[in-house]
Amino acid sequence: MKVVELREKTVDELLVLVDELKANIHQAQMDLMMKKSQNNCDIRKARKDLARVMTVLGEKCNA
């Protein structure tokens, strides 16, 4: 997800996206622990997306 796309979203949309990303990270970690998945790259991508969303959310709240 690009930062430009995130900046166009509202605060409420970003908060929903944060919840979705956290759930995705949790599910991916559980799949990895239960040996359902061998791909830990998905966790890294989701964490980076979450960091981007949180950064944009902080910018919007402080502005």
Protein backbone atom coordinates (compact mmCIF):
# COMPACT_ATOMS: atom_id res chain seq x y z
CA MET A 1 0.00 0.00 0.00
CA LYS A 2 1.39 3.36 -1.02
CA VAL A 3 1.61 6.32 1.34
CA VAL A 4 -0.12 8.54 -1.22
CA GLU A 5 -3.15 6.24 -1.16
CA LEU A 6 -3.18 6.24 2.63
CA ARG A 7 -3.10 10.03 2.88
CA GLU A 8 -6.28 10.21 0.79
CA LYS A 9 -8.20 8.08 3.30
CA THR A 10 -10.09 9.43 6.30
CA VAL A 11 -9.11 8.78 9.90
CA ASP A 12 -11.99 6.31 10.32
CA GLU A 13 -10.91 4.34 7.26
CA LEU A 14 -7.34 4.23 8.59
CA LEU A 15 -8.51 2.94 11.96
CA VAL A 16 -10.44 0.14 10.26
CA LEU A 17 -7.34 -0.67 8.21
CA VAL A 18 -5.23 -0.83 11.38
CA ASP A 19 -7.60 -3.38 12.89
CA GLU A 20 -7.55 -5.47 9.71
CA LEU A 21 -3.76 -5.43 9.51
CA LYS A 22 -3.37 -6.41 13.15
CA ALA A 23 -5.74 -9.32 12.62
CA ASN A 24 -3.82 -10.38 9.50
CA ILE A 25 -0.51 -10.27 11.36
CA HIS A 26 -1.92 -12.32 14.22
CA GLN A 27 -3.40 -14.91 11.85
CA ALA A 28 -0.16 -15.16 9.87
CA GLN A 29 1.83 -15.68 13.08
CA MET A 30 -0.56 -18.39 14.22
CA ASP A 31 -0.34 -20.12 10.83
CA LEU A 32 3.44 -20.02 11.03
CA MET A 33 3.45 -21.49 14.53
CA MET A 34 1.01 -24.24 13.56
CA LYS A 35 3.15 -25.07 10.51
CA LYS A 36 0.28 -24.23 8.14
CA SER A 37 2.51 -21.75 6.36
CA GLN A 38 6.22 -21.64 5.62
CA ASN A 39 6.12 -18.06 4.34
CA ASN A 40 7.12 -15.49 6.95
CA CYS A 41 7.44 -12.78 4.30
CA ASP A 42 3.70 -12.06 4.66
CA ILE A 43 4.21 -11.08 8.29
CA ARG A 44 7.00 -8.67 7.37
CA LYS A 45 4.90 -7.02 4.64
CA ALA A 46 1.89 -6.67 6.93
CA ARG A 47 4.01 -5.15 9.69
CA LYS A 48 5.48 -2.60 7.29
CA ASP A 49 2.00 -1.74 6.00
CA LEU A 50 0.83 -1.32 9.59
CA ALA A 51 3.75 1.03 10.30
CA ARG A 52 2.87 3.10 7.23
CA VAL A 53 -0.77 3.37 8.28
CA MET A 54 0.16 4.30 11.84
CA THR A 55 2.55 6.99 10.56
CA VAL A 56 -0.11 8.56 8.34
CA LEU A 57 -2.65 8.31 11.17
CA GLY A 58 -0.25 10.14 13.47
CA GLU A 59 0.28 12.84 10.86
CA LYS A 60 -3.46 13.35 10.50
CA CYS A 61 -4.08 13.46 14.25
CA ASN A 62 -1.29 15.95 14.90
CA ALA A 63 -2.22 18.22 11.99
